[in-house]
Protein backbone atom coordinates (compact mmCIF):
# COMPACT_ATOMS: atom_id res chain seq x y z
CA UNK A 1 124.96 161.06 167.60
CA UNK A 2 126.98 159.85 164.22
CA UNK A 3 126.23 157.31 162.02
CA UNK A 4 128.13 155.24 159.46
CA UNK A 5 125.65 154.68 156.92
CA UNK A 6 126.54 151.96 153.38
CA UNK A 7 127.65 153.63 150.57
CA UNK A 8 125.06 152.93 147.92
CA UNK A 9 122.17 154.56 149.91
CA UNK A 10 119.57 153.21 147.27
CA UNK A 11 120.44 149.41 148.36
CA UNK A 12 120.53 149.91 152.41
CA UNK A 13 118.49 147.31 153.87
CA UNK A 14 114.74 147.36 155.27
CA UNK A 15 113.91 145.89 158.34
CA UNK A 16 110.73 144.33 158.80
CA UNK A 17 109.53 142.81 162.28
CA UNK A 18 106.16 140.82 162.39
CA UNK A 19 105.50 140.18 166.16
CA UNK A 20 102.38 137.68 167.42
CA UNK A 21 100.57 138.05 170.38
CA UNK A 22 100.49 135.20 173.14
CA UNK A 23 101.90 132.79 170.71
CA UNK A 24 102.73 129.15 171.96
CA UNK A 25 105.66 128.04 169.47
CA UNK A 26 104.65 124.80 169.57
CA UNK A 27 101.76 125.90 167.31
CA UNK A 28 103.62 126.36 164.49
CA UNK A 29 103.74 123.11 162.22
CA UNK A 30 107.97 124.32 161.46
CA UNK A 31 107.89 123.56 165.62
CA UNK A 32 106.45 120.29 165.52
CA UNK A 33 103.04 121.91 166.19
CA UNK A 34 99.77 119.84 165.07
CA UNK A 35 97.64 119.68 163.02
CA UNK A 36 100.67 120.95 160.86
CA UNK A 37 98.06 122.93 158.48
CA UNK A 38 97.70 125.04 161.18
CA UNK A 39 99.98 127.85 159.90
CA UNK A 40 100.67 126.87 156.08
CA UNK A 41 102.16 130.66 155.42
CA UNK A 42 104.63 130.51 158.17
CA UNK A 43 105.64 126.80 157.42
CA UNK A 44 106.14 127.91 153.89
CA UNK A 45 107.98 131.23 155.49
CA UNK A 46 110.32 128.70 157.35
CA UNK A 47 111.52 126.78 154.31
CA UNK A 48 113.25 129.90 153.12
CA UNK A 49 114.64 130.74 156.25
CA UNK A 50 117.07 130.41 159.04
CA UNK A 51 114.82 128.54 162.36
CA UNK A 52 115.93 129.57 165.94
CA UNK A 53 115.21 125.94 168.00
CA UNK A 54 116.39 127.97 171.08
CA UNK A 55 114.65 131.40 170.82
CA UNK A 56 113.28 133.15 173.99
CA UNK A 57 111.30 136.45 174.76
CA UNK A 58 113.50 137.93 177.92
CA UNK A 59 110.19 139.20 179.27
CA UNK A 60 107.08 137.00 178.93
CA UNK A 61 104.68 140.04 178.81
CA UNK A 62 103.66 141.85 175.91
CA UNK A 63 104.59 145.66 177.27
CA UNK A 64 107.98 144.76 179.10
CA UNK A 65 109.19 142.68 176.19
CA UNK A 66 108.17 144.78 173.92
CA UNK A 67 110.39 147.50 175.50
CA UNK A 68 113.29 144.69 175.57
CA UNK A 69 112.71 145.36 171.59
CA UNK A 70 112.80 148.68 171.34
CA UNK A 71 115.53 149.66 173.60
CA UNK A 72 117.79 146.62 173.69
CA UNK A 73 118.49 146.78 177.62
CA UNK A 74 116.73 144.27 180.27
CA UNK A 75 114.21 146.01 181.92
CA UNK A 76 115.59 147.31 185.14
CA UNK A 77 118.32 148.83 183.02
CA UNK A 78 115.21 150.55 181.14
CA UNK A 79 112.86 151.51 183.78
CA UNK A 80 109.94 149.54 181.84
CA UNK A 81 109.70 146.92 184.54
CA UNK A 82 106.47 145.97 183.71
CA UNK A 83 103.93 148.44 182.59
CA UNK A 84 105.41 151.49 182.68
CA UNK A 85 107.57 153.34 180.34
CA UNK A 86 111.22 153.28 179.95
CA UNK A 87 113.11 156.30 181.02
CA UNK A 88 113.41 159.30 178.45
CA UNK A 89 117.25 158.96 178.70
CA UNK A 90 117.38 155.62 177.33
CA UNK A 91 118.29 155.63 173.67
CA UNK A 92 115.70 153.87 171.48
CA UNK A 93 115.78 151.96 167.74
CA UNK A 94 112.76 153.62 166.61
CA UNK A 95 114.38 157.23 166.64
CA UNK A 96 118.16 155.86 165.95
CA UNK A 97 116.79 154.23 162.56
CA UNK A 98 114.99 157.47 162.09
CA UNK A 99 117.74 159.90 162.35
CA UNK A 100 119.64 157.13 160.33
CA UNK A 101 117.30 157.94 157.33
CA UNK A 102 114.78 155.31 157.65
CA UNK A 103 110.98 155.65 157.85
CA UNK A 104 109.76 153.78 160.76
CA UNK A 105 106.04 152.14 160.78
CA UNK A 106 104.07 150.36 162.50
CA UNK A 107 100.49 148.63 162.61
CA UNK A 108 99.32 147.42 166.33
CA UNK A 109 100.28 147.09 169.69
CA UNK A 110 101.66 150.82 169.37
CA UNK A 111 101.54 152.32 172.84
CA UNK A 112 103.27 148.97 173.89
CA UNK A 113 105.71 148.96 170.90
CA UNK A 114 106.05 152.55 172.27
CA UNK A 115 107.92 152.41 175.98
CA UNK A 116 109.09 156.27 175.32
CA UNK A 117 106.95 159.26 175.05
CA UNK A 118 109.82 160.50 172.73
CA UNK A 119 108.95 158.03 170.21
CA UNK A 120 106.62 159.08 167.10
CA UNK A 121 106.83 156.44 164.11
CA UNK A 122 106.12 157.88 160.34
CA UNK A 123 103.63 155.87 160.04
CA UNK A 124 101.41 154.14 162.70
CA UNK A 125 98.42 152.64 162.82
CA UNK A 126 96.67 150.64 166.03
CA UNK A 127 94.15 148.14 166.94
CA UNK A 128 91.05 149.68 166.22
CA UNK A 129 92.04 150.58 162.72
CA UNK A 130 93.03 147.30 161.91
CA UNK A 131 90.12 145.60 162.27
CA UNK A 132 90.57 144.84 166.60
CA UNK A 133 94.08 143.71 164.79
CA UNK A 134 92.33 140.54 163.83
CA UNK A 135 91.46 141.64 160.04
CA UNK A 136 94.39 140.26 157.21
CA UNK A 137 92.76 142.27 154.88
CA UNK A 138 93.50 145.55 156.47
CA UNK A 139 96.71 144.27 157.57
CA UNK A 140 97.65 143.65 153.82
CA UNK A 141 96.13 147.10 152.79
CA UNK A 142 98.06 149.12 155.20
CA UNK A 143 101.30 147.31 154.20
CA UNK A 144 101.21 147.95 150.85
CA UNK A 145 100.86 151.42 151.50
CA UNK A 146 103.40 151.78 153.75
CA UNK A 147 105.80 150.24 151.70
CA UNK A 148 104.38 152.63 148.48
CA UNK A 149 105.43 155.40 150.69
CA UNK A 150 108.64 154.66 151.65
CA UNK A 151 109.64 153.62 147.97
CA UNK A 152 108.36 156.65 146.95
CA UNK A 153 110.23 158.75 149.44
CA UNK A 154 113.38 156.78 148.54
CA UNK A 155 114.04 156.00 152.28
CA UNK A 156 114.59 152.45 153.41
CA UNK A 157 112.62 151.29 156.32
CA UNK A 158 112.04 149.43 159.69
CA UNK A 159 108.24 148.41 159.78
CA UNK A 160 106.97 146.45 163.16
CA UNK A 161 103.47 144.69 162.36
CA UNK A 162 102.14 143.03 165.35
CA UNK A 163 99.30 140.97 165.10
CA UNK A 164 96.90 141.05 167.93
CA UNK A 165 96.07 137.36 167.63
CA UNK A 166 96.01 135.06 169.22
CA UNK A 167 95.70 137.32 172.09
CA UNK A 168 92.10 136.79 173.87
CA UNK A 169 89.38 137.23 173.68
CA UNK A 170 90.14 134.26 171.20
CA UNK A 171 88.11 133.59 167.53
CA UNK A 172 84.99 131.94 168.74
CA UNK A 173 83.04 131.82 164.92
CA UNK A 174 79.72 132.01 166.84
CA UNK A 175 80.56 135.43 168.30
CA UNK A 176 83.38 137.28 166.32
CA UNK A 177 85.09 140.27 168.16
CA UNK A 178 83.90 143.34 165.96
CA UNK A 179 85.59 144.17 163.21
CA UNK A 180 87.74 140.90 162.73
CA UNK A 181 87.53 138.57 160.36
CA UNK A 182 86.73 135.05 159.98
CA UNK A 183 89.89 132.57 159.70
CA UNK A 184 90.55 130.84 156.43
CA UNK A 185 89.77 127.63 158.69
CA UNK A 186 87.86 126.85 161.77
CA UNK A 187 89.25 124.27 164.26
CA UNK A 188 87.21 121.75 166.79
CA UNK A 189 88.09 120.49 170.04
CA UNK A 190 88.98 117.01 168.89
CA UNK A 191 91.61 118.85 166.45
CA UNK A 192 93.53 120.13 170.03
CA UNK A 193 96.86 119.03 170.88
CA UNK A 194 96.61 119.49 174.57
CA UNK A 195 100.30 121.27 175.62
CA UNK A 196 102.05 118.98 178.54
CA UNK A 197 101.68 121.57 181.09
CA UNK A 198 98.17 121.65 180.85
CA UNK A 199 95.61 118.80 181.93
CA UNK A 200 93.61 117.06 179.35
CA UNK A 201 89.87 118.67 180.21
CA UNK A 202 87.08 119.34 177.93
CA UNK A 203 86.92 123.11 179.31
CA UNK A 204 90.68 123.13 177.63
CA UNK A 205 89.75 121.62 174.89
CA UNK A 206 87.43 124.05 174.19
CA UNK A 207 89.43 126.71 174.84
CA UNK A 208 92.44 125.91 172.44
CA UNK A 209 89.75 125.21 170.05
CA UNK A 210 89.03 128.97 170.01
CA UNK A 211 92.57 129.52 170.27
CA UNK A 212 93.88 127.55 167.20
CA UNK A 213 91.05 129.88 165.49
CA UNK A 214 92.93 132.86 166.27
CA UNK A 215 96.32 131.24 165.70
CA UNK A 216 95.55 130.36 162.07
CA UNK A 217 93.90 134.52 161.60
CA UNK A 218 97.23 135.14 162.97
CA UNK A 219 98.85 132.80 160.11
CA UNK A 220 96.08 134.55 157.57
CA UNK A 221 97.55 137.95 158.35
CA UNK A 222 101.39 137.58 158.39
CA UNK A 223 100.62 135.99 154.77
CA UNK A 224 98.58 138.73 153.70
CA UNK A 225 101.53 140.73 154.84
CA UNK A 226 104.43 138.93 152.81
CA UNK A 227 102.05 139.41 149.54
CA UNK A 228 102.38 142.91 150.37
CA UNK A 229 105.74 142.96 150.57
CA UNK A 230 106.60 140.64 147.42
CA UNK A 231 103.98 143.03 145.65
CA UNK A 232 106.38 145.68 146.57
CA UNK A 233 109.45 144.49 144.88
CA UNK A 234 111.30 145.16 148.03
CA UNK A 235 111.57 141.43 149.56
CA UNK A 236 114.90 140.76 148.40
CA UNK A 237 116.53 143.50 150.29
CA UNK A 238 114.38 142.79 153.42
CA UNK A 239 115.32 141.31 156.72
CA UNK A 240 112.31 139.62 157.73
CA UNK A 241 111.74 138.34 161.51
CA UNK A 242 108.89 136.94 163.33
CA UNK A 243 108.62 136.08 166.83
CA UNK A 244 106.07 135.86 169.24
CA UNK A 245 106.28 138.51 172.43
CA UNK A 246 105.29 135.71 174.97
CA UNK A 247 103.90 132.29 175.34
CA UNK A 248 100.26 131.31 175.14
CA UNK A 249 97.85 132.92 177.41
CA UNK A 250 96.76 129.92 180.08
CA UNK A 251 97.95 129.15 182.90
CA UNK A 252 101.91 128.18 183.12
CA UNK A 253 102.48 129.98 180.10
CA UNK A 254 102.35 133.77 179.59
CA UNK A 255 103.13 136.38 182.44
CA UNK A 256 105.46 133.57 184.19
CA UNK A 257 109.08 131.94 183.90
CA UNK A 258 108.94 128.59 182.85
CA UNK A 259 110.24 127.06 179.44
CA UNK A 260 107.05 127.60 177.76
CA UNK A 261 106.48 131.13 178.97
CA UNK A 262 109.44 132.56 177.45
CA UNK A 263 110.35 130.19 174.29
CA UNK A 264 109.14 131.74 171.24
CA UNK A 265 109.45 131.11 167.33
CA UNK A 266 112.07 132.70 165.26
CA UNK A 267 111.88 132.94 161.81
CA UNK A 268 114.70 134.70 159.45
CA UNK A 269 114.49 135.48 155.73
CA UNK A 270 116.90 137.57 154.30
CA UNK A 271 118.03 136.94 150.73
CA UNK A 272 121.66 136.61 149.76
CA UNK A 273 122.69 135.94 152.99
CA UNK A 274 120.45 133.38 155.48
CA UNK A 275 120.52 130.05 153.89
CA UNK A 276 116.67 129.17 153.27
CA UNK A 277 115.58 125.78 155.30
CA UNK A 278 118.12 125.98 157.73
CA UNK A 279 117.95 125.39 161.64
CA UNK A 280 120.29 126.68 164.35
CA UNK A 281 119.54 124.36 167.46
CA UNK A 282 122.39 125.23 169.49
CA UNK A 283 122.73 129.04 169.97
CA UNK A 284 120.39 130.76 172.52
CA UNK A 285 119.06 134.11 171.49
CA UNK A 286 116.86 136.40 172.56
CA UNK A 287 114.76 139.67 171.68
CA UNK A 288 117.14 141.84 173.49
CA UNK A 289 119.47 140.83 170.54
CA UNK A 290 117.21 142.33 167.97
CA UNK A 291 118.88 145.72 168.30
CA UNK A 292 122.42 145.33 168.28
CA UNK A 293 121.33 143.12 165.46
CA UNK A 294 119.65 145.42 163.58
CA UNK A 295 122.73 148.10 163.70
CA UNK A 296 125.10 145.92 162.61
CA UNK A 297 123.15 144.52 159.74
CA UNK A 298 122.17 148.29 158.50
CA UNK A 299 125.89 149.63 159.27
CA UNK A 300 124.28 151.96 161.42
CA UNK A 301 126.13 153.04 164.54
CA UNK A 302 123.90 152.70 167.61
CA UNK A 303 124.21 153.15 171.53
CA UNK A 304 127.48 152.05 172.98
CA UNK A 305 126.04 150.34 175.77
CA UNK A 306 123.03 147.63 175.39
CA UNK A 307 122.63 143.83 176.96
CA UNK A 308 121.91 141.86 173.66
CA UNK A 309 124.49 141.02 171.74
CA UNK A 310 124.18 141.03 168.10
CA UNK A 311 123.20 137.62 165.94
CA UNK A 312 124.30 138.77 162.23
CA UNK A 313 126.77 135.73 162.18
CA UNK A 314 124.43 133.39 163.02
CA UNK A 315 122.47 134.51 160.41
CA UNK A 316 125.51 133.77 158.18
CA UNK A 317 125.48 129.87 159.64
CA UNK A 318 128.62 131.07 162.07
CA UNK A 319 128.97 129.87 165.36
CA UNK A 320 128.99 132.23 168.51
CA UNK A 321 130.50 131.71 171.91
CA UNK A 322 128.62 132.03 175.42
CA UNK A 323 125.28 131.15 174.45
CA UNK A 324 124.77 128.35 176.21
CA UNK A 325 122.27 130.00 178.77
CA UNK A 326 119.41 131.94 178.55
CA UNK A 327 118.29 134.47 181.21
CA UNK A 328 114.41 135.79 181.39
CA UNK A 329 112.50 137.52 184.57
CA UNK A 330 109.11 138.91 185.46
CA UNK A 331 108.82 142.18 187.71
CA UNK A 332 105.32 143.06 187.43
CA UNK A 333 102.23 142.54 185.59
CA UNK A 334 99.04 144.09 184.32
CA UNK A 335 96.89 145.43 187.22
CA UNK A 336 100.74 146.72 188.48
CA UNK A 337 101.38 144.03 191.50
CA UNK A 338 105.00 142.94 191.56
CA UNK A 339 105.40 139.42 191.15
CA UNK A 340 109.29 139.45 190.35
CA UNK A 341 110.64 135.99 188.90
CA UNK A 342 114.39 135.08 187.39
CA UNK A 343 114.75 132.09 185.63
CA UNK A 344 118.33 130.96 183.73
CA UNK A 345 118.12 127.94 181.42
CA UNK A 346 120.68 125.99 179.64
CA UNK A 347 120.47 123.21 177.29
CA UNK A 348 119.46 120.34 180.18
CA UNK A 349 118.00 122.45 183.00
CA UNK A 350 116.05 125.36 184.11
CA UNK A 351 116.21 127.10 187.20
CA UNK A 352 113.89 129.77 188.99
CA UNK A 353 114.07 132.18 191.66
CA UNK A 354 110.79 133.59 193.09
CA UNK A 355 111.16 136.40 195.56
CA UNK A 356 107.54 137.43 195.52
CA UNK A 357 106.57 133.26 196.75
CA UNK A 358 106.06 133.98 200.59
CA UNK A 359 103.62 130.89 201.39
CA UNK A 360 101.13 133.24 201.61
CA UNK A 361 100.00 135.24 198.46
CA UNK A 362 98.01 134.45 195.58
CA UNK A 363 99.00 134.98 192.38
CA UNK A 364 96.60 135.37 189.65
CA UNK A 365 96.67 136.89 186.09
CA UNK A 366 94.42 137.81 183.31
CA UNK A 367 94.93 134.91 181.01
CA UNK A 368 93.03 132.09 183.07
CA UNK A 369 89.50 131.95 181.31
CA UNK A 370 88.13 128.76 180.43
CA UNK A 371 91.13 126.71 181.18
CA UNK A 372 91.67 127.60 184.79
CA UNK A 373 87.92 127.19 185.48
CA UNK A 374 88.36 123.77 184.40
CA UNK A 375 91.28 123.14 185.98
CA UNK A 376 89.47 124.55 189.42
CA UNK A 377 86.71 122.28 189.17
CA UNK A 378 88.94 118.90 188.59
CA UNK A 379 90.56 120.05 191.43
CA UNK A 380 87.81 118.92 193.59
CA UNK A 381 88.41 115.68 192.73
CA UNK A 382 91.74 115.16 191.76
CA UNK A 383 94.71 115.93 193.78
CA UNK A 384 97.45 116.23 190.88
CA UNK A 385 95.10 118.94 189.25
CA UNK A 386 94.63 120.32 192.76
CA UNK A 387 98.50 120.27 193.33
CA UNK A 388 99.32 122.27 189.75
CA UNK A 389 96.67 124.77 190.68
CA UNK A 390 98.20 125.43 194.04
CA UNK A 391 101.50 125.83 192.86
CA UNK A 392 100.59 128.08 190.06
CA UNK A 393 98.94 130.16 193.12
CA UNK A 394 101.41 130.15 195.76
CA UNK A 395 104.95 129.35 193.83
CA UNK A 396 107.40 128.29 195.98
CA UNK A 397 110.83 130.20 196.11
CA UNK A 398 113.20 128.02 194.25
CA UNK A 399 112.33 125.37 191.19
CA UNK A 400 114.66 123.08 189.36
CA UNK A 401 113.77 121.39 186.52
CA UNK A 402 115.08 118.93 183.35
CA UNK A 403 114.00 120.59 180.65
CA UNK A 404 115.55 117.93 178.59
CA UNK A 405 112.90 114.97 180.43
CA UNK A 406 110.56 117.70 181.42
CA UNK A 407 110.10 120.27 179.26
CA UNK A 408 106.83 121.14 180.54
CA UNK A 409 107.97 122.00 184.23
CA UNK A 410 105.79 119.23 186.14
CA UNK A 411 108.28 118.09 188.46
CA UNK A 412 110.47 120.39 190.67
CA UNK A 413 113.99 118.60 191.64
CA UNK A 414 114.71 121.56 193.88
CA UNK A 415 114.98 119.18 196.95
CA UNK A 416 116.98 115.91 194.95
CA UNK A 417 119.66 114.99 196.47
CA UNK A 418 120.97 113.88 193.01
CA UNK A 419 120.83 117.37 191.27
CA UNK A 420 122.17 119.35 194.54
CA UNK A 421 125.37 120.12 192.24
CA UNK A 422 123.08 120.87 189.18
CA UNK A 423 121.44 123.64 191.61
CA UNK A 424 124.59 124.89 193.08
CA UNK A 425 125.73 125.40 189.09
CA UNK A 426 122.21 127.38 188.25
CA UNK A 427 122.21 129.53 191.22
CA UNK A 428 125.93 130.70 190.15
CA UNK A 429 124.99 131.21 187.08
CA UNK A 430 121.52 133.20 187.97
CA UNK A 431 124.04 134.77 190.48
CA UNK A 432 126.54 136.33 188.03
CA UNK A 433 124.34 137.27 185.35
CA UNK A 434 122.31 139.27 187.89
CA UNK A 435 125.44 140.66 188.89
CA UNK A 436 127.06 141.92 186.19
CA UNK A 437 123.33 143.33 184.57
CA UNK A 438 122.77 145.05 187.81
CA UNK A 439 119.70 143.64 188.57
CA UNK A 440 117.64 145.19 192.07
CA UNK A 441 116.76 141.20 192.82
CA UNK A 442 120.61 140.34 193.31
CA UNK A 443 120.59 141.02 197.30
CA UNK A 444 117.29 139.55 197.31
CA UNK A 445 118.82 136.47 195.83
CA UNK A 446 121.90 136.00 197.94
CA UNK A 447 119.47 136.55 201.10
CA UNK A 448 116.56 134.31 199.73
CA UNK A 449 116.44 132.42 202.99
CA UNK A 450 115.93 135.48 205.26
CA UNK A 451 112.15 136.65 204.48
CA UNK A 452 112.66 139.92 206.00
CA UNK A 453 115.67 140.96 203.60
CA UNK A 454 114.05 139.62 200.86
CA UNK A 455 110.74 141.59 201.57
CA UNK A 456 112.71 145.02 201.85
CA UNK A 457 114.23 144.59 198.68
CA UNK A 458 110.82 144.07 197.10
CA UNK A 459 109.54 147.28 198.78
CA UNK A 460 113.06 149.64 198.08
CA UNK A 461 112.72 148.18 193.85
CA UNK A 462 108.88 148.12 193.37
CA UNK A 463 107.21 150.76 196.27
CA UNK A 464 105.02 149.53 198.66
CA UNK A 465 101.96 150.34 196.68
CA UNK A 466 102.79 147.40 194.32
CA UNK A 467 103.79 144.54 196.90
CA UNK A 468 102.01 141.38 197.06
CA UNK A 469 100.42 141.62 200.64
CA UNK A 470 100.25 138.47 202.22
CA UNK A 471 96.65 136.60 202.79
CA UNK A 472 96.42 133.57 204.79
CA UNK A 473 96.57 130.73 203.16
CA UNK A 474 93.53 128.67 201.68
CA UNK A 475 93.67 125.16 203.27
CA UNK A 476 92.46 121.61 202.26
CA UNK A 477 93.05 119.71 198.85
CA UNK A 478 94.45 122.65 197.75
CA UNK A 479 97.57 122.73 200.10
CA UNK A 480 100.90 121.91 198.00
CA UNK A 481 103.59 120.29 199.15
CA UNK A 482 106.68 122.98 200.25
CA UNK A 483 108.56 123.29 198.81
CA UNK A 484 109.50 120.63 196.17
CA UNK A 485 106.73 119.43 195.55
CA UNK A 486 105.99 116.58 192.17
CA UNK A 487 103.36 117.47 190.43
CA UNK A 488 102.04 115.87 186.92
CA UNK A 489 98.93 116.05 184.61
CA UNK A 490 97.31 113.57 183.67
């Protein structure tokens, strides 16, 4: 592979990609979160950056999301359809920049961010060496060392810094995780602004207060890494991006395809190129766009076939056509079960196809905790919460939401006569994307009313061992209305 490099090697652009783990985009003050002082360092960084309001991850699960970043390919095109490696013949970002003379370093989430065995970082420290990924002071020291080593080697860098906050276990000040540091501020249940996709219950407030503690510690970590970058003297020649790998680890967010599952903050600082304190409220962008963006920004000639598009012109405040839709997906979750979901969103509507939903499979994931326990308890006496729990567990094959009026995805419009033209349009958009991206779920989507064909596509794609088993559906208060239930949280 040949590379085209900038003429003045000493001035080659550095890249620092900072990721949060399981962060709700609207937790950031700059994205409207309250209390606004929850993320002071990120708020200050936003004032120096371009803020994208329509950024998403392509897969709302940590490992496959990070595989998309590393390969620039959608899950089914790299092979990383869940907690599994990408194919070795797939080019990757790390080896590409290293071949072009860059040093590649990583802090945290090492295995999840290295989807191929052939990826060997120049400098790597994982969770156990970073105070369980929750020690801002250690991130600071490791970052200082990495920047100094790059300067000594006279090489530009690609540095991926991955906080393990605010991933579970959330920060309980009474019982800190071994190695973790205390956040700079502690929050209580009364400080919580419960997201609209969850009911406002005491157990949920208790858990979200601990999540806020973890989010504050994430912000502390980000601040210390930015401090190290400034002290290194390399900040002015470094493109810095901040994202999350998926939404918050509670029901109706992470590991799913709803709006708040995949929505990500995206803050981009690039002195001399990005206008500080600006907003992009128009263009849909996603992490699959990072690889081609980094190639164009650095002048490195990367792989010819990537699934994303460079965002460089957006960084310069220009417009790009063809960024009116966002496509996201889920294939298999932690534990290996295949629970495929496909989603298309635009500025008004979100449409989801759930080929795994067969009327009996009981969906679960490892992100439920106190919040789901509180919902299960409340469901015994509250029919609306019972219906929400039922939807989470069993799903329906198709969902349609008006995201302008209902970003929390509470009212499924799939059977509404007034929205049948919108439904047809969104189905067509998804089919076109699935066709162009060679999605193996296309045949299932085309035959979504024939369960036998859908089941066979699942077996052919994921293997019989990963197919959700049919179970006798629970009856009683938690039985959902099929398929177009209207459900609201209190």
